[in-house]
Amino acid sequence: MKKYLFLMAAALLTIAACDKKDNDGDEAEKDIVEYGGVKYKTVTLDNGQTWMAEPLRYLPKDATVSEDPTSEGICYAYKFKNVVIEDNKVKSYEYDLAKSEAAIKELGYLYDFKTIFGADITEENYDKLEGIQGICPKGWHIPTHAECLALVGYSNALAQGQSAVTDESALFYDKDYKGARYSEMIKVFNYPLSGYAMAGKFGTIPLSSLTTTVESLYNYCSPFNFIVTSTGYKPKNGVQMFGMQTTFNLGTYPEGRVTLGYITNNKTKVQVRCIKDAEKK
């Protein structure tokens, strides 16, 4: 019975998210930015930030989109299909690549770091990219750690030996979730779950149990999703980039938690969202 009620609640949450998208269609032309022949809705938040309200689906000159997560450059985002659940465990599933025009508009593409930033991420440049325009249009940039922290209010440590960062004044911070509550955040900030690729593989559904709620939430979208920032992080080995990330857990975060974490620099492809440059005073 509890699982049934949860599924019903999840379905209602999904419908609410879809209704929000439909209402966005009434926005004025001033809330639109055109880039690469595609028009993107934008949203200006209460903290003054203006974001693209849709994932990026820009294709640089001569770029192609691959179905293969091991390829360089750009690949399709995805949802899941044919999910088989037996004895409260996920037994199997298939990937449903977002290849239709409607699916691409909803989920965007997944980009590798070289395509996003215009160069491979190395120990020599990982800390010199903050605020870079990158693949975004002129007047926009890849968001910084600080700009995303102002939304979600919780981040892993900025450097080795430091403590995690909390900003309870952040726009969507929820103390019960120790970060942003996804179900509330998406009422204002459209955050589709586009999936990701890492180590040359698409993200998965854990096969051991239903600790993640992907089988019921948001039409079989990935429970994990990253929006990359332009702020780097240096662990003991290699380099990483910060990113906003979602976590769904049936016991602790059933409505989804959004925080800032590390994105491994290992054949990684993620969603891109651009933020508008601040006006010069």
Protein backbone atom coordinates (compact mmCIF):
# COMPACT_ATOMS: atom_id res chain seq x y z
CA MET A 1 0.00 0.00 0.00
CA LYS A 2 2.79 2.44 0.89
CA LYS A 3 4.46 1.83 -2.45
CA TYR A 4 1.16 2.37 -4.27
CA LEU A 5 0.60 5.69 -2.52
CA PHE A 6 4.13 6.77 -3.32
CA LEU A 7 3.66 5.94 -6.99
CA MET A 8 0.45 7.96 -7.06
CA ALA A 9 2.21 10.94 -5.43
CA ALA A 10 5.06 10.68 -7.91
CA ALA A 11 2.62 10.63 -10.81
CA LEU A 12 0.88 13.76 -9.53
CA LEU A 13 4.26 15.45 -9.14
CA THR A 14 5.12 14.58 -12.73
CA ILE A 15 1.82 16.01 -13.99
CA ALA A 16 2.46 19.21 -12.05
CA ALA A 17 5.89 19.51 -13.65
CA CYS A 18 4.38 19.03 -17.11
CA ASP A 19 1.68 21.65 -16.42
CA LYS A 20 4.42 24.08 -15.40
CA LYS A 21 6.14 23.56 -18.75
CA ASP A 22 2.89 24.22 -20.62
CA ASN A 23 2.35 27.48 -18.75
CA ASP A 24 5.86 28.59 -19.68
CA GLY A 25 4.74 28.72 -23.29
CA ASP A 26 2.96 32.01 -22.59
CA GLU A 27 6.20 33.84 -21.82
CA ALA A 28 6.87 37.04 -23.73
CA GLU A 29 9.45 37.18 -26.53
CA LYS A 30 11.77 39.10 -24.22
CA ASP A 31 12.16 35.88 -22.23
CA ILE A 32 13.60 34.10 -25.27
CA VAL A 33 17.22 33.82 -26.40
CA GLU A 34 18.06 32.46 -29.86
CA TYR A 35 21.26 30.49 -30.38
CA GLY A 36 22.29 28.37 -33.33
CA GLY A 37 18.85 28.70 -34.87
CA VAL A 38 17.12 27.42 -31.73
CA LYS A 39 14.97 29.56 -29.44
CA TYR A 40 15.36 28.90 -25.70
CA LYS A 41 13.05 30.06 -22.96
CA THR A 42 14.78 31.89 -20.13
CA VAL A 43 13.88 32.47 -16.50
CA THR A 44 14.92 35.30 -14.19
CA LEU A 45 14.96 34.14 -10.58
CA ASP A 46 14.23 36.12 -7.45
CA ASN A 47 17.97 36.42 -6.75
CA GLY A 48 18.47 38.25 -10.06
CA GLN A 49 20.08 35.39 -12.00
CA THR A 50 18.83 34.74 -15.53
CA TRP A 51 19.16 31.17 -16.79
CA MET A 52 18.26 29.30 -19.92
CA ALA A 53 15.10 27.47 -18.88
CA GLU A 54 15.92 24.52 -21.15
CA PRO A 55 18.94 22.23 -21.52
CA LEU A 56 21.39 23.19 -24.27
CA ARG A 57 20.96 21.45 -27.61
CA TYR A 58 23.44 23.49 -29.62
CA LEU A 59 25.56 21.77 -32.26
CA PRO A 60 28.89 23.42 -33.13
CA LYS A 61 29.93 23.49 -36.78
CA ASP A 62 30.51 20.00 -38.20
CA ALA A 63 29.47 18.38 -34.91
CA THR A 64 27.38 15.23 -34.88
CA VAL A 65 25.39 13.50 -32.14
CA SER A 66 26.30 9.94 -31.26
CA GLU A 67 24.33 7.09 -29.75
CA ASP A 68 27.59 5.78 -28.27
CA PRO A 69 28.58 7.09 -24.80
CA THR A 70 32.23 6.12 -25.48
CA SER A 71 32.46 8.56 -28.39
CA GLU A 72 33.99 12.01 -28.10
CA GLY A 73 31.90 15.15 -28.30
CA ILE A 74 28.13 14.96 -28.01
CA CYS A 75 25.68 12.13 -27.44
CA TYR A 76 21.96 11.77 -26.92
CA ALA A 77 20.37 12.11 -23.50
CA TYR A 78 18.10 9.28 -22.42
CA LYS A 79 15.31 7.87 -20.32
CA PHE A 80 14.68 4.22 -19.44
CA LYS A 81 12.14 1.83 -20.92
CA ASN A 82 11.01 -1.75 -20.41
CA VAL A 83 11.97 -1.66 -16.73
CA VAL A 84 11.29 -5.06 -15.17
CA ILE A 85 10.71 -5.18 -11.40
CA GLU A 86 10.42 -8.46 -9.53
CA ASP A 87 10.35 -9.00 -5.77
CA ASN A 88 10.88 -5.28 -5.24
CA LYS A 89 14.10 -5.36 -7.25
CA VAL A 90 15.00 -3.99 -10.67
CA LYS A 91 15.83 -6.99 -12.86
CA SER A 92 16.43 -5.35 -16.21
CA TYR A 93 15.83 -2.25 -18.35
CA GLU A 94 16.72 -0.66 -21.67
CA TYR A 95 17.88 2.82 -22.65
CA ASP A 96 15.49 5.04 -24.56
CA LEU A 97 17.68 7.59 -26.33
CA ALA A 98 16.19 11.08 -26.73
CA LYS A 99 16.38 11.26 -30.51
CA SER A 100 13.01 12.74 -31.47
CA GLU A 101 12.62 16.49 -31.83
CA ALA A 102 10.37 16.65 -28.76
CA ALA A 103 12.73 14.53 -26.66
CA ILE A 104 15.76 16.60 -27.66
CA LYS A 105 13.90 19.80 -26.73
CA GLU A 106 13.01 18.32 -23.35
CA LEU A 107 16.34 16.74 -22.40
CA GLY A 108 18.93 18.49 -24.58
CA TYR A 109 22.19 16.76 -25.46
CA LEU A 110 24.99 15.39 -23.29
CA TYR A 111 28.35 17.11 -23.88
CA ASP A 112 31.89 16.11 -22.96
CA PHE A 113 34.16 18.58 -21.18
CA LYS A 114 36.25 19.37 -24.25
CA THR A 115 33.14 20.40 -26.17
CA ILE A 116 31.79 22.41 -23.23
CA PHE A 117 34.97 24.30 -22.38
CA GLY A 118 36.81 24.26 -25.70
CA ALA A 119 39.75 22.31 -24.31
CA ASP A 120 40.57 19.17 -22.37
CA ILE A 121 40.47 19.63 -18.59
CA THR A 122 43.96 19.30 -17.11
CA GLU A 123 45.81 20.08 -13.89
CA GLU A 124 47.14 23.17 -15.66
CA ASN A 125 43.78 24.72 -16.57
CA TYR A 126 41.04 23.25 -14.31
CA ASP A 127 41.17 26.30 -12.00
CA LYS A 128 41.28 28.90 -14.78
CA LEU A 129 37.90 28.23 -16.39
CA GLU A 130 35.52 29.82 -13.89
CA GLY A 131 32.90 31.94 -15.63
CA ILE A 132 34.06 30.93 -19.13
CA GLN A 133 31.65 31.39 -22.03
CA GLY A 134 32.52 27.96 -23.38
CA ILE A 135 29.80 26.50 -25.59
CA CYS A 136 27.24 29.09 -24.42
CA PRO A 137 26.15 32.03 -26.61
CA LYS A 138 27.78 35.45 -26.36
CA GLY A 139 26.64 37.25 -23.22
CA TRP A 140 26.15 33.93 -21.40
CA HIS A 141 28.51 31.54 -19.64
CA ILE A 142 28.89 28.17 -17.94
CA PRO A 143 27.62 28.76 -14.37
CA THR A 144 30.11 28.98 -11.52
CA HIS A 145 30.06 27.08 -8.24
CA ALA A 146 29.01 30.25 -6.43
CA GLU A 147 26.08 30.87 -8.79
CA CYS A 148 24.80 27.33 -8.28
CA LEU A 149 25.41 27.39 -4.53
CA ALA A 150 23.13 30.46 -4.43
CA LEU A 151 20.38 28.13 -5.69
CA VAL A 152 20.84 24.84 -3.81
CA GLY A 153 22.70 25.91 -0.64
CA TYR A 154 24.92 22.84 -0.10
CA SER A 155 28.20 21.73 -1.66
CA ASN A 156 30.98 19.25 -1.17
CA ALA A 157 34.25 20.82 -0.01
CA LEU A 158 35.83 23.31 -2.39
CA ALA A 159 39.33 21.94 -1.79
CA GLN A 160 41.13 19.07 -0.12
CA GLY A 161 41.03 19.36 3.67
CA GLN A 162 38.15 21.83 3.73
CA SER A 163 34.64 21.25 5.06
CA ALA A 164 31.42 21.03 3.08
CA VAL A 165 29.76 24.39 2.35
CA THR A 166 26.22 25.33 3.47
CA ASP A 167 24.31 28.49 2.57
CA GLU A 168 20.90 28.42 4.21
CA SER A 169 19.99 31.70 2.47
CA ALA A 170 20.15 30.01 -0.95
CA LEU A 171 17.04 30.41 -3.08
CA PHE A 172 15.86 26.78 -2.97
CA TYR A 173 17.59 25.55 0.20
CA ASP A 174 15.54 23.18 2.34
CA LYS A 175 17.02 22.36 5.74
CA ASP A 176 15.26 18.98 5.86
CA TYR A 177 16.99 17.99 2.61
CA LYS A 178 20.29 19.76 3.35
CA GLY A 179 20.17 21.17 -0.14
CA ALA A 180 17.41 22.00 -2.59
CA ARG A 181 14.25 19.89 -2.72
CA TYR A 182 13.90 18.92 -6.38
CA SER A 183 10.10 18.80 -6.32
CA GLU A 184 9.99 22.43 -5.17
CA MET A 185 12.90 23.68 -7.28
CA ILE A 186 11.32 22.54 -10.56
CA LYS A 187 8.27 24.71 -9.92
CA VAL A 188 10.52 27.66 -10.75
CA PHE A 189 13.67 26.20 -12.32
CA ASN A 190 13.04 23.64 -15.06
CA TYR A 191 15.49 20.81 -14.33
CA PRO A 192 14.84 17.80 -16.57
CA LEU A 193 16.66 14.59 -15.71
CA SER A 194 18.70 14.02 -18.86
CA GLY A 195 21.03 11.32 -17.53
CA TYR A 196 24.79 11.32 -17.98
CA ALA A 197 27.68 9.28 -19.31
CA MET A 198 30.76 8.49 -17.24
CA ALA A 199 33.72 6.19 -17.88
CA GLY A 200 32.22 5.69 -21.32
CA LYS A 201 28.91 4.33 -20.00
CA PHE A 202 25.44 5.76 -19.55
CA GLY A 203 24.16 6.07 -16.00
CA THR A 204 22.29 3.08 -14.68
CA ILE A 205 19.39 2.05 -12.47
CA PRO A 206 20.78 0.18 -9.43
CA LEU A 207 19.83 -3.43 -9.97
CA SER A 208 19.92 -4.50 -6.33
CA SER A 209 16.86 -2.71 -4.97
CA LEU A 210 14.43 0.17 -5.33
CA THR A 211 16.45 2.60 -3.20
CA THR A 212 16.21 5.01 -6.12
CA THR A 213 12.78 5.87 -7.43
CA VAL A 214 13.56 6.09 -11.13
CA GLU A 215 11.01 3.38 -11.96
CA SER A 216 8.18 5.63 -10.80
CA LEU A 217 9.36 9.23 -11.02
CA TYR A 218 9.33 11.50 -14.07
CA ASN A 219 8.49 8.95 -16.73
CA TYR A 220 11.50 6.69 -16.19
CA CYS A 221 14.14 9.42 -16.21
CA SER A 222 17.58 8.87 -14.72
CA PRO A 223 17.65 9.40 -10.93
CA PHE A 224 21.06 11.03 -11.29
CA ASN A 225 21.67 14.12 -13.36
CA PHE A 226 24.47 16.65 -13.49
CA ILE A 227 24.53 20.28 -14.63
CA VAL A 228 28.18 21.17 -15.02
CA THR A 229 29.76 24.31 -13.56
CA SER A 230 32.95 26.04 -14.67
CA THR A 231 34.56 25.61 -11.23
CA GLY A 232 37.20 22.91 -10.92
CA TYR A 233 38.26 20.68 -8.05
CA LYS A 234 41.61 18.98 -7.46
CA PRO A 235 41.52 15.66 -5.58
CA LYS A 236 44.72 13.75 -4.84
CA ASN A 237 44.71 12.28 -8.33
CA GLY A 238 43.37 13.90 -11.49
CA VAL A 239 40.96 16.81 -11.75
CA GLN A 240 37.18 17.14 -11.58
CA MET A 241 34.54 19.79 -12.15
CA PHE A 242 31.76 20.79 -9.78
CA GLY A 243 28.20 20.26 -10.90
CA MET A 244 24.67 20.44 -9.58
CA GLN A 245 23.49 16.88 -9.05
CA THR A 246 20.24 15.14 -8.15
CA THR A 247 19.81 12.31 -5.66
CA PHE A 248 16.59 10.32 -5.19
CA ASN A 249 16.28 7.94 -2.27
CA LEU A 250 13.00 6.35 -1.23
CA GLY A 251 13.82 6.64 2.48
CA THR A 252 15.69 9.95 2.79
CA TYR A 253 15.08 12.04 -0.33
CA PRO A 254 11.88 10.77 -1.98
CA GLU A 255 11.24 14.19 -3.59
CA GLY A 256 14.80 14.48 -4.84
CA ARG A 257 17.77 16.37 -3.41
CA VAL A 258 19.88 18.83 -5.43
CA THR A 259 23.38 19.71 -4.21
CA LEU A 260 26.80 20.53 -5.63
CA GLY A 261 29.18 17.61 -6.04
CA TYR A 262 32.17 16.52 -8.07
CA ILE A 263 31.96 15.30 -11.67
CA THR A 264 34.73 12.90 -12.62
CA ASN A 265 36.76 13.83 -15.68
CA ASN A 266 36.65 10.37 -17.28
CA LYS A 267 34.88 10.19 -20.64
CA THR A 268 32.10 12.16 -19.01
CA LYS A 269 29.12 13.74 -20.77
CA VAL A 270 26.56 15.90 -18.98
CA GLN A 271 23.74 18.38 -19.44
CA VAL A 272 24.67 22.02 -20.04
CA ARG A 273 22.69 25.04 -18.84
CA CYS A 274 23.89 28.56 -19.58
CA ILE A 275 23.51 31.55 -17.26
CA LYS A 276 23.42 35.16 -18.46
CA ASP A 277 26.37 37.42 -17.73
CA ALA A 278 25.70 39.98 -15.01
CA GLU A 279 25.09 43.47 -16.35
CA LYS A 280 28.09 45.76 -15.96
CA LYS A 281 27.42 48.71 -13.70
